[in-house]
Amino acid sequence: MTGSRLGQYQLLEKIGSGGMGDVYKARDTRLNRLVAVKVLPPNKVANEDRKRRFIQEAQAASALQHPNIVVIHDINEENGVVYMAMEYIAGKTLDERIPR
């Protein structure tokens, strides 16, 4: 998906992957800022429970304001791809910061 576009977000590079999908560093072309875009792949969108949990995750995080929780800017669906745009924070991943 790197190089493609979801709505106003130009996906620049893949920066992570997890159980719910992939995360990309992206440029918000409307506000000219870097964001992180978490994408729920189409094969997981077909699973209504996963889609519901993904949306629920975005709604829960957007309801909170805390220095240790990223700001959710947007959640949307385009051509069967569900995604959320959130604050981009450069640095180490949680896997790198939190020992197993």
N, C-alpha and C. Protein backbone atom coordinates (compact mmCIF):
# COMPACT_ATOMS: atom_id res chain seq x y z
N MET A 1 0.81 -1.20 0.00
CA MET A 1 0.00 0.00 0.00
C MET A 1 0.86 1.27 0.00
N THR A 2 2.14 1.13 0.33
CA THR A 2 3.02 2.29 0.31
C THR A 2 2.93 2.97 -1.05
N GLY A 3 2.82 4.29 -1.04
CA GLY A 3 2.69 5.05 -2.27
C GLY A 3 1.24 5.29 -2.67
N SER A 4 0.32 4.54 -2.09
CA SER A 4 -1.09 4.74 -2.44
C SER A 4 -1.71 5.80 -1.54
N ARG A 5 -2.97 6.04 -1.76
CA ARG A 5 -3.66 7.10 -1.04
C ARG A 5 -4.98 6.57 -0.49
N LEU A 6 -5.28 6.93 0.74
CA LEU A 6 -6.57 6.65 1.37
C LEU A 6 -7.16 8.00 1.77
N GLY A 7 -8.19 8.41 1.08
CA GLY A 7 -8.77 9.72 1.37
C GLY A 7 -7.72 10.80 1.19
N GLN A 8 -7.53 11.60 2.20
CA GLN A 8 -6.57 12.71 2.14
C GLN A 8 -5.16 12.28 2.59
N TYR A 9 -4.96 11.00 2.83
CA TYR A 9 -3.70 10.51 3.39
C TYR A 9 -2.85 9.79 2.33
N GLN A 10 -1.67 10.29 2.09
CA GLN A 10 -0.70 9.68 1.17
C GLN A 10 0.19 8.75 2.00
N LEU A 11 0.11 7.45 1.77
CA LEU A 11 0.88 6.49 2.56
C LEU A 11 2.34 6.51 2.11
N LEU A 12 3.24 6.83 3.03
CA LEU A 12 4.65 7.01 2.70
C LEU A 12 5.49 5.76 2.94
N GLU A 13 5.30 5.13 4.10
CA GLU A 13 6.08 3.92 4.41
C GLU A 13 5.39 3.12 5.52
N LYS A 14 5.54 1.81 5.45
CA LYS A 14 4.98 0.95 6.48
C LYS A 14 5.89 1.04 7.70
N ILE A 15 5.30 1.31 8.86
CA ILE A 15 6.10 1.45 10.08
C ILE A 15 5.76 0.42 11.14
N GLY A 16 4.74 -0.39 10.91
CA GLY A 16 4.41 -1.41 11.89
C GLY A 16 3.31 -2.33 11.40
N SER A 17 3.14 -3.40 12.16
CA SER A 17 2.13 -4.39 11.83
C SER A 17 1.70 -5.07 13.12
N GLY A 18 0.43 -5.42 13.20
CA GLY A 18 -0.07 -6.08 14.40
C GLY A 18 -1.28 -6.91 14.09
N GLY A 19 -1.96 -7.33 15.14
CA GLY A 19 -3.11 -8.21 15.00
C GLY A 19 -4.27 -7.58 14.26
N MET A 20 -4.42 -6.27 14.36
CA MET A 20 -5.55 -5.60 13.72
C MET A 20 -5.22 -5.08 12.32
N GLY A 21 -3.95 -4.99 11.97
CA GLY A 21 -3.62 -4.49 10.64
C GLY A 21 -2.24 -3.89 10.58
N ASP A 22 -2.02 -3.07 9.57
CA ASP A 22 -0.72 -2.44 9.33
C ASP A 22 -0.81 -0.95 9.61
N VAL A 23 0.33 -0.38 10.02
CA VAL A 23 0.40 1.05 10.31
C VAL A 23 1.40 1.68 9.36
N TYR A 24 0.99 2.80 8.78
CA TYR A 24 1.82 3.52 7.81
C TYR A 24 2.08 4.94 8.28
N LYS A 25 3.28 5.41 8.06
CA LYS A 25 3.55 6.83 8.18
C LYS A 25 2.95 7.46 6.94
N ALA A 26 2.20 8.53 7.10
CA ALA A 26 1.48 9.13 5.98
C ALA A 26 1.49 10.65 6.08
N ARG A 27 1.20 11.26 4.97
CA ARG A 27 1.06 12.73 4.93
C ARG A 27 -0.41 13.06 4.77
N ASP A 28 -0.90 13.88 5.67
CA ASP A 28 -2.25 14.43 5.57
C ASP A 28 -2.14 15.56 4.56
N THR A 29 -2.68 15.36 3.36
CA THR A 29 -2.49 16.33 2.28
C THR A 29 -3.33 17.59 2.47
N ARG A 30 -4.34 17.54 3.29
CA ARG A 30 -5.14 18.74 3.55
C ARG A 30 -4.48 19.65 4.56
N LEU A 31 -3.94 19.06 5.62
CA LEU A 31 -3.35 19.85 6.70
C LEU A 31 -1.83 19.87 6.64
N ASN A 32 -1.25 19.19 5.67
CA ASN A 32 0.20 19.15 5.47
C ASN A 32 0.95 18.79 6.75
N ARG A 33 0.60 17.63 7.29
CA ARG A 33 1.27 17.13 8.50
C ARG A 33 1.44 15.63 8.38
N LEU A 34 2.38 15.10 9.15
CA LEU A 34 2.58 13.66 9.21
C LEU A 34 1.58 13.06 10.18
N VAL A 35 1.05 11.91 9.81
CA VAL A 35 0.13 11.16 10.66
C VAL A 35 0.50 9.68 10.56
N ALA A 36 -0.05 8.90 11.44
CA ALA A 36 0.04 7.44 11.34
C ALA A 36 -1.34 6.95 10.90
N VAL A 37 -1.36 6.08 9.91
CA VAL A 37 -2.62 5.53 9.41
C VAL A 37 -2.62 4.03 9.66
N LYS A 38 -3.58 3.58 10.45
CA LYS A 38 -3.73 2.15 10.74
C LYS A 38 -4.80 1.61 9.82
N VAL A 39 -4.45 0.56 9.08
CA VAL A 39 -5.32 0.02 8.04
C VAL A 39 -5.78 -1.39 8.43
N LEU A 40 -7.07 -1.59 8.40
CA LEU A 40 -7.64 -2.92 8.58
C LEU A 40 -7.76 -3.52 7.19
N PRO A 41 -6.98 -4.53 6.87
CA PRO A 41 -6.98 -5.09 5.51
C PRO A 41 -8.34 -5.62 5.09
N PRO A 42 -8.61 -5.60 3.78
CA PRO A 42 -9.92 -6.04 3.26
C PRO A 42 -10.32 -7.44 3.73
N ASN A 43 -9.37 -8.36 3.86
CA ASN A 43 -9.72 -9.72 4.30
C ASN A 43 -10.23 -9.72 5.75
N LYS A 44 -9.82 -8.73 6.55
CA LYS A 44 -10.30 -8.65 7.92
C LYS A 44 -11.58 -7.83 8.02
N VAL A 45 -11.81 -6.93 7.05
CA VAL A 45 -13.05 -6.15 7.02
C VAL A 45 -14.23 -7.08 6.79
N ALA A 46 -13.99 -8.16 6.07
CA ALA A 46 -15.06 -9.14 5.80
C ALA A 46 -15.57 -9.76 7.10
N ASN A 47 -14.73 -9.78 8.12
CA ASN A 47 -15.13 -10.29 9.42
C ASN A 47 -15.76 -9.13 10.20
N GLU A 48 -17.07 -9.14 10.34
CA GLU A 48 -17.79 -8.03 10.97
C GLU A 48 -17.34 -7.78 12.41
N ASP A 49 -16.95 -8.84 13.13
CA ASP A 49 -16.50 -8.68 14.51
C ASP A 49 -15.19 -7.90 14.55
N ARG A 50 -14.26 -8.22 13.66
CA ARG A 50 -12.99 -7.49 13.61
C ARG A 50 -13.21 -6.02 13.23
N LYS A 51 -14.08 -5.80 12.27
CA LYS A 51 -14.38 -4.43 11.85
C LYS A 51 -14.99 -3.65 13.01
N ARG A 52 -15.91 -4.27 13.72
CA ARG A 52 -16.55 -3.62 14.88
C ARG A 52 -15.52 -3.29 15.94
N ARG A 53 -14.59 -4.22 16.23
CA ARG A 53 -13.56 -3.98 17.25
C ARG A 53 -12.60 -2.87 16.83
N PHE A 54 -12.27 -2.82 15.55
CA PHE A 54 -11.39 -1.78 15.02
C PHE A 54 -12.03 -0.40 15.22
N ILE A 55 -13.29 -0.28 14.86
CA ILE A 55 -14.01 0.98 15.02
C ILE A 55 -14.17 1.32 16.50
N GLN A 56 -14.43 0.31 17.31
CA GLN A 56 -14.57 0.50 18.75
C GLN A 56 -13.25 1.00 19.36
N GLU A 57 -12.13 0.47 18.88
CA GLU A 57 -10.81 0.91 19.34
C GLU A 57 -10.61 2.40 19.04
N ALA A 58 -10.96 2.82 17.84
CA ALA A 58 -10.82 4.23 17.45
C ALA A 58 -11.73 5.11 18.29
N GLN A 59 -12.95 4.68 18.51
CA GLN A 59 -13.88 5.48 19.31
C GLN A 59 -13.43 5.59 20.76
N ALA A 60 -12.93 4.50 21.32
CA ALA A 60 -12.47 4.52 22.71
C ALA A 60 -11.26 5.44 22.87
N ALA A 61 -10.31 5.33 21.97
CA ALA A 61 -9.11 6.16 22.06
C ALA A 61 -9.44 7.63 21.83
N SER A 62 -10.40 7.91 20.93
CA SER A 62 -10.74 9.31 20.64
C SER A 62 -11.48 9.97 21.80
N ALA A 63 -12.04 9.17 22.69
CA ALA A 63 -12.77 9.72 23.83
C ALA A 63 -11.85 10.09 24.99
N LEU A 64 -10.57 9.74 24.88
CA LEU A 64 -9.62 9.97 25.96
C LEU A 64 -8.63 11.06 25.60
N GLN A 65 -8.20 11.80 26.61
CA GLN A 65 -7.13 12.77 26.43
C GLN A 65 -6.10 12.51 27.52
N HIS A 66 -4.94 12.03 27.09
CA HIS A 66 -3.87 11.71 28.04
C HIS A 66 -2.57 11.75 27.27
N PRO A 67 -1.48 12.21 27.89
CA PRO A 67 -0.20 12.29 27.19
C PRO A 67 0.31 10.95 26.66
N ASN A 68 -0.15 9.84 27.22
CA ASN A 68 0.32 8.52 26.81
C ASN A 68 -0.62 7.83 25.83
N ILE A 69 -1.62 8.55 25.31
CA ILE A 69 -2.56 7.98 24.36
C ILE A 69 -2.56 8.86 23.11
N VAL A 70 -2.37 8.25 21.95
CA VAL A 70 -2.34 9.03 20.71
C VAL A 70 -3.70 9.66 20.44
N VAL A 71 -3.65 10.77 19.73
CA VAL A 71 -4.87 11.47 19.32
C VAL A 71 -5.37 10.85 18.02
N ILE A 72 -6.64 10.49 17.98
CA ILE A 72 -7.26 9.95 16.77
C ILE A 72 -7.83 11.13 15.98
N HIS A 73 -7.42 11.26 14.72
CA HIS A 73 -7.89 12.36 13.88
C HIS A 73 -9.09 11.98 13.03
N ASP A 74 -9.17 10.71 12.63
CA ASP A 74 -10.18 10.34 11.63
C ASP A 74 -10.34 8.83 11.61
N ILE A 75 -11.52 8.37 11.25
CA ILE A 75 -11.74 6.97 10.92
C ILE A 75 -12.65 6.97 9.70
N ASN A 76 -12.33 6.10 8.75
CA ASN A 76 -13.07 6.14 7.49
C ASN A 76 -12.97 4.79 6.79
N GLU A 77 -13.71 4.65 5.71
CA GLU A 77 -13.65 3.46 4.86
C GLU A 77 -13.64 3.92 3.42
N GLU A 78 -12.73 3.34 2.64
CA GLU A 78 -12.64 3.69 1.22
C GLU A 78 -12.34 2.43 0.41
N ASN A 79 -13.17 2.14 -0.56
CA ASN A 79 -13.00 0.96 -1.41
C ASN A 79 -12.78 -0.32 -0.61
N GLY A 80 -13.56 -0.49 0.46
CA GLY A 80 -13.47 -1.70 1.27
C GLY A 80 -12.33 -1.72 2.26
N VAL A 81 -11.55 -0.64 2.35
CA VAL A 81 -10.44 -0.55 3.31
C VAL A 81 -10.86 0.37 4.44
N VAL A 82 -10.90 -0.17 5.66
CA VAL A 82 -11.23 0.63 6.84
C VAL A 82 -9.91 1.10 7.44
N TYR A 83 -9.84 2.38 7.81
CA TYR A 83 -8.59 2.92 8.36
C TYR A 83 -8.88 4.01 9.38
N MET A 84 -7.89 4.23 10.24
CA MET A 84 -7.95 5.36 11.16
C MET A 84 -6.65 6.13 11.04
N ALA A 85 -6.78 7.44 11.10
CA ALA A 85 -5.61 8.32 11.08
C ALA A 85 -5.42 8.84 12.49
N MET A 86 -4.17 8.81 12.92
CA MET A 86 -3.87 9.25 14.29
C MET A 86 -2.58 10.04 14.32
N GLU A 87 -2.33 10.62 15.44
CA GLU A 87 -1.11 11.37 15.68
C GLU A 87 0.10 10.50 15.36
N TYR A 88 1.07 11.07 14.66
CA TYR A 88 2.32 10.36 14.37
C TYR A 88 3.34 10.80 15.41
N ILE A 89 3.93 9.82 16.07
CA ILE A 89 4.96 10.08 17.07
C ILE A 89 6.21 9.31 16.66
N ALA A 90 7.25 10.04 16.32
CA ALA A 90 8.51 9.40 15.90
C ALA A 90 9.18 8.77 17.12
N GLY A 91 9.88 7.69 16.87
CA GLY A 91 10.62 7.04 17.96
C GLY A 91 10.48 5.54 17.92
N LYS A 92 10.72 4.93 19.05
CA LYS A 92 10.67 3.47 19.15
C LYS A 92 9.23 2.98 19.20
N THR A 93 9.04 1.76 18.71
CA THR A 93 7.71 1.13 18.79
C THR A 93 7.48 0.65 20.22
N LEU A 94 6.24 0.32 20.53
CA LEU A 94 5.94 -0.23 21.86
C LEU A 94 6.67 -1.54 22.08
N ASP A 95 6.80 -2.35 21.03
CA ASP A 95 7.55 -3.61 21.15
C ASP A 95 8.99 -3.35 21.55
N GLU A 96 9.57 -2.26 21.07
CA GLU A 96 10.96 -1.93 21.42
C GLU A 96 11.06 -1.35 22.82
N ARG A 97 10.02 -0.66 23.27
CA ARG A 97 10.05 -0.01 24.58
C ARG A 97 9.66 -0.94 25.73
N ILE A 98 8.77 -1.88 25.47
CA ILE A 98 8.26 -2.73 26.54
C ILE A 98 8.87 -4.11 26.41
N PRO A 99 9.71 -4.50 27.37
CA PRO A 99 10.31 -5.83 27.29
C PRO A 99 9.28 -6.93 27.50
N ARG A 100 9.52 -8.05 26.87
CA ARG A 100 8.60 -9.20 26.98
C ARG A 100 8.70 -9.82 28.35
